[in-house]
Amino acid sequence: MKASDRAPCGQPPVTLQHLSVHYRKACALQDVSGHFAWGSLTAVVGRNGSGKSTLLKSIAGRLPAHAVCSAQGVQLALPLQKMAYLAQRSELDPRFPISVLDCTLQGYWQRIGAFGRITADMQASARDALHTVGLPGAGPHRLEALSVGQLQRVLFARLLLQDAELILLDEPFSAVDAQTTEDLLALLQLWQQQGRTVIAVLHDAQQVERYFSHTLVLDGKAVSWGERTPTQGMALQVAA
């Protein structure tokens, strides 16, 4: 499916209109406006505390209860069921007693609910997803036995089962080994070829320059936003 086939009436998947977010008295984002194009790979970059994670949480509807978000700041052209959100690794607990296969199968949660029945076909698809991310045969293993890179591969396998049109990734390659990073970046490119829209918070300027067609530079507000140009290299290194 092409990106144009996914766009209802040409409306972008995500439009931000004067998005502002406050955490009690602190302003995390101020007056951010723009849109993400269908089928685009957008890297969100900026110094620590510049509002990158807040932006993704605003789009995903994952802001904490004490956060105040501007009304109509985020407009979506697709249902939440068509969105996938991968939080920072620090928000996950790999010690939770669950197998690799069961963690992967959580990708079906939005479709079947917490008490839905997992079919044999779903289990087969989960094993295929694990094979795609480079973990064939890892289904019976416990999450706590995995390395950081292996755990991230499992979470990407879970994303594959979600079959989302909009994918939000918050620092997906932090503390991940180089080979895993390369493999998962290749998966992002495949998603783009399938017409999916990917928004990722990144810190590595070389990854941005090599793989991402669009950038959003934040510093509490949008410093720049749009297609990445060859002259942005130094600015991205400073921002990241």
C-alpha atoms as a PDB file:
ATOM      1  CA  MET A   1       0.000   0.000   0.000  1.00  0.00           C
ATOM      2  CA  LYS A   2       1.331   3.413  -0.948  1.00  0.00           C
ATOM      3  CA  ALA A   3       1.360   6.365   1.447  1.00  0.00           C
ATOM      4  CA  SER A   4      -1.211   8.148  -0.706  1.00  0.00           C
ATOM      5  CA  ASP A   5      -3.581   5.174  -0.328  1.00  0.00           C
ATOM      6  CA  ARG A   6      -3.560   5.583   3.462  1.00  0.00           C
ATOM      7  CA  ALA A   7      -4.439   9.300   3.498  1.00  0.00           C
ATOM      8  CA  PRO A   8      -8.167  10.059   3.953  1.00  0.00           C
ATOM      9  CA  CYS A   9      -8.995  13.125   1.845  1.00  0.00           C
ATOM     10  CA  GLY A  10      -5.306  14.029   1.780  1.00  0.00           C
ATOM     11  CA  GLN A  11      -5.293  14.907   5.494  1.00  0.00           C
ATOM     12  CA  PRO A  12      -1.910  14.291   7.221  1.00  0.00           C
ATOM     13  CA  PRO A  13      -1.866  11.542   9.861  1.00  0.00           C
ATOM     14  CA  VAL A  14      -0.788  13.998  12.580  1.00  0.00           C
ATOM     15  CA  THR A  15      -1.316  17.744  12.651  1.00  0.00           C
ATOM     16  CA  LEU A  16      -0.119  19.926  15.518  1.00  0.00           C
ATOM     17  CA  GLN A  17      -1.844  23.266  16.016  1.00  0.00           C
ATOM     18  CA  HIS A  18      -0.207  25.542  18.582  1.00  0.00           C
ATOM     19  CA  LEU A  19       0.613  22.557  20.781  1.00  0.00           C
ATOM     20  CA  SER A  20       1.731  23.619  24.252  1.00  0.00           C
ATOM     21  CA  VAL A  21       2.305  21.326  27.226  1.00  0.00           C
ATOM     22  CA  HIS A  22       2.922  22.325  30.832  1.00  0.00           C
ATOM     23  CA  TYR A  23       3.972  20.114  33.734  1.00  0.00           C
ATOM     24  CA  ARG A  24       2.653  22.049  36.720  1.00  0.00           C
ATOM     25  CA  LYS A  25       4.628  25.318  36.416  1.00  0.00           C
ATOM     26  CA  ALA A  26       7.176  24.080  33.866  1.00  0.00           C
ATOM     27  CA  CYS A  27       6.611  24.556  30.134  1.00  0.00           C
ATOM     28  CA  ALA A  28       7.773  21.484  28.202  1.00  0.00           C
ATOM     29  CA  LEU A  29       6.508  22.526  24.761  1.00  0.00           C
ATOM     30  CA  GLN A  30       5.335  25.876  23.498  1.00  0.00           C
ATOM     31  CA  ASP A  31       3.267  26.699  20.414  1.00  0.00           C
ATOM     32  CA  VAL A  32       4.384  23.865  18.114  1.00  0.00           C
ATOM     33  CA  SER A  33       2.536  23.803  14.778  1.00  0.00           C
ATOM     34  CA  GLY A  34       3.033  21.658  11.693  1.00  0.00           C
ATOM     35  CA  HIS A  35       2.230  18.203  10.358  1.00  0.00           C
ATOM     36  CA  PHE A  36       3.800  14.810   9.658  1.00  0.00           C
ATOM     37  CA  ALA A  37       3.358  13.515   6.116  1.00  0.00           C
ATOM     38  CA  TRP A  38       2.023  10.056   5.301  1.00  0.00           C
ATOM     39  CA  GLY A  39       4.817   7.555   4.736  1.00  0.00           C
ATOM     40  CA  SER A  40       7.533   9.839   6.098  1.00  0.00           C
ATOM     41  CA  LEU A  41      10.415   8.979   8.424  1.00  0.00           C
ATOM     42  CA  THR A  42      10.816  11.900  10.812  1.00  0.00           C
ATOM     43  CA  ALA A  43      13.611  12.165  13.369  1.00  0.00           C
ATOM     44  CA  VAL A  44      12.843  14.348  16.391  1.00  0.00           C
ATOM     45  CA  VAL A  45      16.091  15.767  17.760  1.00  0.00           C
ATOM     46  CA  GLY A  46      17.127  18.297  20.376  1.00  0.00           C
ATOM     47  CA  ARG A  47      19.053  18.657  23.607  1.00  0.00           C
ATOM     48  CA  ASN A  48      17.922  16.890  26.788  1.00  0.00           C
ATOM     49  CA  GLY A  49      14.779  18.485  28.172  1.00  0.00           C
ATOM     50  CA  SER A  50      13.809  20.039  24.839  1.00  0.00           C
ATOM     51  CA  GLY A  51      10.391  18.351  24.781  1.00  0.00           C
ATOM     52  CA  LYS A  52      11.022  15.372  22.494  1.00  0.00           C
ATOM     53  CA  SER A  53       9.418  12.698  24.685  1.00  0.00           C
ATOM     54  CA  THR A  54       6.623  15.083  25.602  1.00  0.00           C
ATOM     55  CA  LEU A  55       5.844  15.526  21.915  1.00  0.00           C
ATOM     56  CA  LEU A  56       5.487  11.775  21.355  1.00  0.00           C
ATOM     57  CA  LYS A  57       3.405  11.323  24.502  1.00  0.00           C
ATOM     58  CA  SER A  58       1.136  14.166  23.379  1.00  0.00           C
ATOM     59  CA  ILE A  59       0.514  12.452  20.035  1.00  0.00           C
ATOM     60  CA  ALA A  60       0.013   9.043  21.670  1.00  0.00           C
ATOM     61  CA  GLY A  61      -2.274  10.385  24.390  1.00  0.00           C
ATOM     62  CA  ARG A  62       0.178   9.208  27.072  1.00  0.00           C
ATOM     63  CA  LEU A  63       0.780  12.447  28.981  1.00  0.00           C
ATOM     64  CA  PRO A  64       0.690  12.100  32.794  1.00  0.00           C
ATOM     65  CA  ALA A  65      -2.407  13.243  34.617  1.00  0.00           C
ATOM     66  CA  HIS A  66      -0.771  16.422  35.936  1.00  0.00           C
ATOM     67  CA  ALA A  67       0.195  17.630  32.438  1.00  0.00           C
ATOM     68  CA  VAL A  68      -1.828  20.398  30.804  1.00  0.00           C
ATOM     69  CA  CYS A  69      -2.061  20.213  27.004  1.00  0.00           C
ATOM     70  CA  SER A  70      -3.518  22.919  24.778  1.00  0.00           C
ATOM     71  CA  ALA A  71      -6.984  22.116  23.446  1.00  0.00           C
ATOM     72  CA  GLN A  72      -6.972  20.740  19.889  1.00  0.00           C
ATOM     73  CA  GLY A  73      -3.177  20.796  19.952  1.00  0.00           C
ATOM     74  CA  VAL A  74      -3.002  17.335  18.376  1.00  0.00           C
ATOM     75  CA  GLN A  75      -5.267  16.309  15.515  1.00  0.00           C
ATOM     76  CA  LEU A  76      -5.150  12.726  14.213  1.00  0.00           C
ATOM     77  CA  ALA A  77      -6.452  11.493  10.861  1.00  0.00           C
ATOM     78  CA  LEU A  78      -6.485   7.887  12.015  1.00  0.00           C
ATOM     79  CA  PRO A  79      -7.938   5.990  15.011  1.00  0.00           C
ATOM     80  CA  LEU A  80      -5.762   5.261  18.037  1.00  0.00           C
ATOM     81  CA  GLN A  81      -5.959   1.566  17.144  1.00  0.00           C
ATOM     82  CA  LYS A  82      -3.823   2.346  14.084  1.00  0.00           C
ATOM     83  CA  MET A  83      -1.070   3.905  16.202  1.00  0.00           C
ATOM     84  CA  ALA A  84       1.834   2.137  17.930  1.00  0.00           C
ATOM     85  CA  TYR A  85       3.948   3.751  20.641  1.00  0.00           C
ATOM     86  CA  LEU A  86       7.254   2.407  21.970  1.00  0.00           C
ATOM     87  CA  ALA A  87       8.369   4.160  25.134  1.00  0.00           C
ATOM     88  CA  GLN A  88      11.941   4.582  26.295  1.00  0.00           C
ATOM     89  CA  ARG A  89      13.588   1.404  27.533  1.00  0.00           C
ATOM     90  CA  SER A  90      13.834   2.903  31.017  1.00  0.00           C
ATOM     91  CA  GLU A  91      10.038   2.751  31.309  1.00  0.00           C
ATOM     92  CA  LEU A  92      10.020  -1.027  30.811  1.00  0.00           C
ATOM     93  CA  ASP A  93      10.760  -3.754  33.360  1.00  0.00           C
ATOM     94  CA  PRO A  94      12.474  -6.738  31.686  1.00  0.00           C
ATOM     95  CA  ARG A  95      12.300  -8.645  35.007  1.00  0.00           C
ATOM     96  CA  PHE A  96       8.561  -9.147  34.555  1.00  0.00           C
ATOM     97  CA  PRO A  97       7.987 -12.944  34.453  1.00  0.00           C
ATOM     98  CA  ILE A  98       6.864 -13.338  30.859  1.00  0.00           C
ATOM     99  CA  SER A  99       8.181 -15.235  27.879  1.00  0.00           C
ATOM    100  CA  VAL A 100       9.473 -13.667  24.675  1.00  0.00           C
ATOM    101  CA  LEU A 101       6.541 -15.124  22.741  1.00  0.00           C
ATOM    102  CA  ASP A 102       3.931 -13.818  25.188  1.00  0.00           C
ATOM    103  CA  CYS A 103       5.511 -10.352  25.139  1.00  0.00           C
ATOM    104  CA  THR A 104       5.408 -10.364  21.345  1.00  0.00           C
ATOM    105  CA  LEU A 105       1.769 -11.474  21.344  1.00  0.00           C
ATOM    106  CA  GLN A 106       0.874  -8.310  23.265  1.00  0.00           C
ATOM    107  CA  GLY A 107       0.961  -6.687  19.848  1.00  0.00           C
ATOM    108  CA  TYR A 108      -2.555  -8.091  19.359  1.00  0.00           C
ATOM    109  CA  TRP A 109      -3.908  -6.508  22.543  1.00  0.00           C
ATOM    110  CA  GLN A 110      -5.678  -3.576  20.884  1.00  0.00           C
ATOM    111  CA  ARG A 111      -7.473  -5.951  18.531  1.00  0.00           C
ATOM    112  CA  ILE A 112      -8.560  -8.685  20.933  1.00  0.00           C
ATOM    113  CA  GLY A 113      -8.543  -6.967  24.345  1.00  0.00           C
ATOM    114  CA  ALA A 114      -7.050  -8.176  27.609  1.00  0.00           C
ATOM    115  CA  PHE A 115      -9.157 -11.351  27.671  1.00  0.00           C
ATOM    116  CA  GLY A 116      -9.220 -12.167  23.964  1.00  0.00           C
ATOM    117  CA  ARG A 117      -8.266 -15.580  22.668  1.00  0.00           C
ATOM    118  CA  ILE A 118      -4.838 -16.099  21.146  1.00  0.00           C
ATOM    119  CA  THR A 119      -5.156 -18.407  18.162  1.00  0.00           C
ATOM    120  CA  ALA A 120      -2.618 -20.762  16.639  1.00  0.00           C
ATOM    121  CA  ASP A 121      -2.344 -18.425  13.636  1.00  0.00           C
ATOM    122  CA  MET A 122      -1.513 -15.533  15.961  1.00  0.00           C
ATOM    123  CA  GLN A 123       1.203 -17.566  17.625  1.00  0.00           C
ATOM    124  CA  ALA A 124       2.617 -18.482  14.228  1.00  0.00           C
ATOM    125  CA  SER A 125       2.627 -14.813  13.209  1.00  0.00           C
ATOM    126  CA  ALA A 126       4.418 -13.933  16.439  1.00  0.00           C
ATOM    127  CA  ARG A 127       7.109 -16.494  15.709  1.00  0.00           C
ATOM    128  CA  ASP A 128       7.440 -15.100  12.179  1.00  0.00           C
ATOM    129  CA  ALA A 129       7.828 -11.594  13.638  1.00  0.00           C
ATOM    130  CA  LEU A 130      10.573 -12.816  15.962  1.00  0.00           C
ATOM    131  CA  HIS A 131      12.302 -14.381  12.968  1.00  0.00           C
ATOM    132  CA  THR A 132      12.021 -11.092  11.068  1.00  0.00           C
ATOM    133  CA  VAL A 133      13.795  -9.177  13.851  1.00  0.00           C
ATOM    134  CA  GLY A 134      16.533 -11.800  14.123  1.00  0.00           C
ATOM    135  CA  LEU A 135      15.314 -13.895  17.075  1.00  0.00           C
ATOM    136  CA  PRO A 136      14.191 -17.226  15.594  1.00  0.00           C
ATOM    137  CA  GLY A 137      13.424 -19.813  18.239  1.00  0.00           C
ATOM    138  CA  ALA A 138      13.548 -17.309  21.106  1.00  0.00           C
ATOM    139  CA  GLY A 139       9.846 -17.601  21.956  1.00  0.00           C
ATOM    140  CA  PRO A 140      10.156 -19.786  25.096  1.00  0.00           C
ATOM    141  CA  HIS A 141      12.919 -17.675  26.654  1.00  0.00           C
ATOM    142  CA  ARG A 142      12.231 -15.266  29.510  1.00  0.00           C
ATOM    143  CA  LEU A 143      12.645 -11.544  28.978  1.00  0.00           C
ATOM    144  CA  GLU A 144      15.031 -11.320  31.928  1.00  0.00           C
ATOM    145  CA  ALA A 145      17.467 -13.597  30.065  1.00  0.00           C
ATOM    146  CA  LEU A 146      17.799 -11.197  27.130  1.00  0.00           C
ATOM    147  CA  SER A 147      20.416  -8.572  26.421  1.00  0.00           C
ATOM    148  CA  VAL A 148      19.371  -4.968  25.854  1.00  0.00           C
ATOM    149  CA  GLY A 149      19.593  -5.431  22.091  1.00  0.00           C
ATOM    150  CA  GLN A 150      17.609  -8.676  22.146  1.00  0.00           C
ATOM    151  CA  LEU A 151      14.880  -7.079  24.249  1.00  0.00           C
ATOM    152  CA  GLN A 152      14.574  -4.239  21.766  1.00  0.00           C
ATOM    153  CA  ARG A 153      14.238  -6.768  18.947  1.00  0.00           C
ATOM    154  CA  VAL A 154      11.334  -8.365  20.851  1.00  0.00           C
ATOM    155  CA  LEU A 155       9.625  -4.998  21.224  1.00  0.00           C
ATOM    156  CA  PHE A 156       9.973  -4.383  17.493  1.00  0.00           C
ATOM    157  CA  ALA A 157       8.482  -7.825  16.841  1.00  0.00           C
ATOM    158  CA  ARG A 158       5.532  -6.728  18.976  1.00  0.00           C
ATOM    159  CA  LEU A 159       5.233  -3.608  16.835  1.00  0.00           C
ATOM    160  CA  LEU A 160       5.094  -5.790  13.722  1.00  0.00           C
ATOM    161  CA  LEU A 161       2.011  -7.558  15.091  1.00  0.00           C
ATOM    162  CA  GLN A 162       0.314  -4.245  15.835  1.00  0.00           C
ATOM    163  CA  ASP A 163       0.338  -3.514  12.100  1.00  0.00           C
ATOM    164  CA  ALA A 164       0.085   0.210  12.842  1.00  0.00           C
ATOM    165  CA  GLU A 165       0.010   2.973  10.243  1.00  0.00           C
ATOM    166  CA  LEU A 166       1.606   5.494  12.625  1.00  0.00           C
ATOM    167  CA  ILE A 167       4.605   4.346  14.696  1.00  0.00           C
ATOM    168  CA  LEU A 168       6.084   6.457  17.505  1.00  0.00           C
ATOM    169  CA  LEU A 169       9.526   5.488  18.830  1.00  0.00           C
ATOM    170  CA  ASP A 170      11.128   7.194  21.843  1.00  0.00           C
ATOM    171  CA  GLU A 171      14.918   6.722  21.729  1.00  0.00           C
ATOM    172  CA  PRO A 172      14.602   3.191  20.290  1.00  0.00           C
ATOM    173  CA  PHE A 173      18.351   2.676  19.889  1.00  0.00           C
ATOM    174  CA  SER A 174      19.617   3.979  23.228  1.00  0.00           C
ATOM    175  CA  ALA A 175      22.211   1.570  24.704  1.00  0.00           C
ATOM    176  CA  VAL A 176      21.517  -0.894  21.869  1.00  0.00           C
ATOM    177  CA  ASP A 177      24.415  -2.619  20.103  1.00  0.00           C
ATOM    178  CA  ALA A 178      25.433  -1.515  16.609  1.00  0.00           C
ATOM    179  CA  GLN A 179      24.237  -4.631  14.752  1.00  0.00           C
ATOM    180  CA  THR A 180      20.782  -4.529  16.346  1.00  0.00           C
ATOM    181  CA  THR A 181      20.524  -0.830  15.564  1.00  0.00           C
ATOM    182  CA  GLU A 182      21.360  -1.439  11.902  1.00  0.00           C
ATOM    183  CA  ASP A 183      18.866  -4.290  11.649  1.00  0.00           C
ATOM    184  CA  LEU A 184      16.039  -2.285  13.229  1.00  0.00           C
ATOM    185  CA  LEU A 185      16.791   0.806  11.157  1.00  0.00           C
ATOM    186  CA  ALA A 186      16.393  -1.388   8.084  1.00  0.00           C
ATOM    187  CA  LEU A 187      12.972  -2.364   9.438  1.00  0.00           C
ATOM    188  CA  LEU A 188      12.053   1.322   9.674  1.00  0.00           C
ATOM    189  CA  GLN A 189      12.912   1.697   6.009  1.00  0.00           C
ATOM    190  CA  LEU A 190      10.667  -1.268   5.198  1.00  0.00           C
ATOM    191  CA  TRP A 191       7.818   0.379   7.087  1.00  0.00           C
ATOM    192  CA  GLN A 192       8.295   3.521   5.039  1.00  0.00           C
ATOM    193  CA  GLN A 193       8.171   1.502   1.822  1.00  0.00           C
ATOM    194  CA  GLN A 194       4.873   0.062   3.063  1.00  0.00           C
ATOM    195  CA  GLY A 195       3.480   3.586   3.442  1.00  0.00           C
ATOM    196  CA  ARG A 196       3.653   3.716   7.234  1.00  0.00           C
ATOM    197  CA  THR A 197       4.540   6.925   9.060  1.00  0.00           C
ATOM    198  CA  VAL A 198       7.373   6.767  11.606  1.00  0.00           C
ATOM    199  CA  ILE A 199       8.278   9.444  14.151  1.00  0.00           C
ATOM    200  CA  ALA A 200      11.392   8.653  16.204  1.00  0.00           C
ATOM    201  CA  VAL A 201      13.253  10.523  18.928  1.00  0.00           C
ATOM    202  CA  LEU A 202      16.978  10.148  18.201  1.00  0.00           C
ATOM    203  CA  HIS A 203      20.333  11.386  19.469  1.00  0.00           C
ATOM    204  CA  ASP A 204      22.663  10.051  16.783  1.00  0.00           C
ATOM    205  CA  ALA A 205      23.149  12.608  14.004  1.00  0.00           C
ATOM    206  CA  GLN A 206      24.652  10.002  11.657  1.00  0.00           C
ATOM    207  CA  GLN A 207      21.540   7.841  11.960  1.00  0.00           C
ATOM    208  CA  VAL A 208      19.383  10.857  11.156  1.00  0.00           C
ATOM    209  CA  GLU A 209      21.443  11.802   8.125  1.00  0.00           C
ATOM    210  CA  ARG A 210      21.596   8.253   6.799  1.00  0.00           C
ATOM    211  CA  TYR A 211      18.033   7.038   7.299  1.00  0.00           C
ATOM    212  CA  PHE A 212      15.582   9.891   7.886  1.00  0.00           C
ATOM    213  CA  SER A 213      14.054  12.097   5.215  1.00  0.00           C
ATOM    214  CA  HIS A 214      12.483  14.611   7.630  1.00  0.00           C
ATOM    215  CA  THR A 215      13.600  16.220  10.874  1.00  0.00           C
ATOM    216  CA  LEU A 216      11.942  18.166  13.669  1.00  0.00           C
ATOM    217  CA  VAL A 217      14.427  20.056  15.824  1.00  0.00           C
ATOM    218  CA  LEU A 218      13.013  21.006  19.229  1.00  0.00           C
ATOM    219  CA  ASP A 219      14.173  23.367  21.931  1.00  0.00           C
ATOM    220  CA  GLY A 220      10.974  23.730  23.896  1.00  0.00           C
ATOM    221  CA  LYS A 221       9.507  24.896  20.601  1.00  0.00           C
ATOM    222  CA  ALA A 222       9.995  23.949  16.961  1.00  0.00           C
ATOM    223  CA  VAL A 223      13.347  25.317  15.791  1.00  0.00           C
ATOM    224  CA  SER A 224      13.015  23.743  12.339  1.00  0.00           C
ATOM    225  CA  TRP A 225      10.721  21.174  10.733  1.00  0.00           C
ATOM    226  CA  GLY A 226      10.608  19.640   7.289  1.00  0.00           C
ATOM    227  CA  GLU A 227      12.612  17.680   4.768  1.00  0.00           C
ATOM    228  CA  ARG A 228      16.202  17.252   5.829  1.00  0.00           C
ATOM    229  CA  THR A 229      18.765  19.069   3.699  1.00  0.00           C
ATOM    230  CA  PRO A 230      22.469  18.199   3.244  1.00  0.00           C
ATOM    231  CA  THR A 231      23.480  21.414   5.024  1.00  0.00           C
ATOM    232  CA  GLN A 232      21.793  20.383   8.274  1.00  0.00           C
ATOM    233  CA  GLY A 233      24.529  18.015   9.403  1.00  0.00           C
ATOM    234  CA  MET A 234      26.255  20.351  11.861  1.00  0.00           C
ATOM    235  CA  ALA A 235      22.955  21.642  13.236  1.00  0.00           C
ATOM    236  CA  LEU A 236      21.778  18.087  13.892  1.00  0.00           C
ATOM    237  CA  GLN A 237      24.983  17.212  15.705  1.00  0.00           C
ATOM    238  CA  VAL A 238      24.523  20.224  17.987  1.00  0.00           C
ATOM    239  CA  ALA A 239      20.833  19.469  18.542  1.00  0.00           C
ATOM    240  CA  ALA A 240      21.376  15.811  19.337  1.00  0.00           C
END
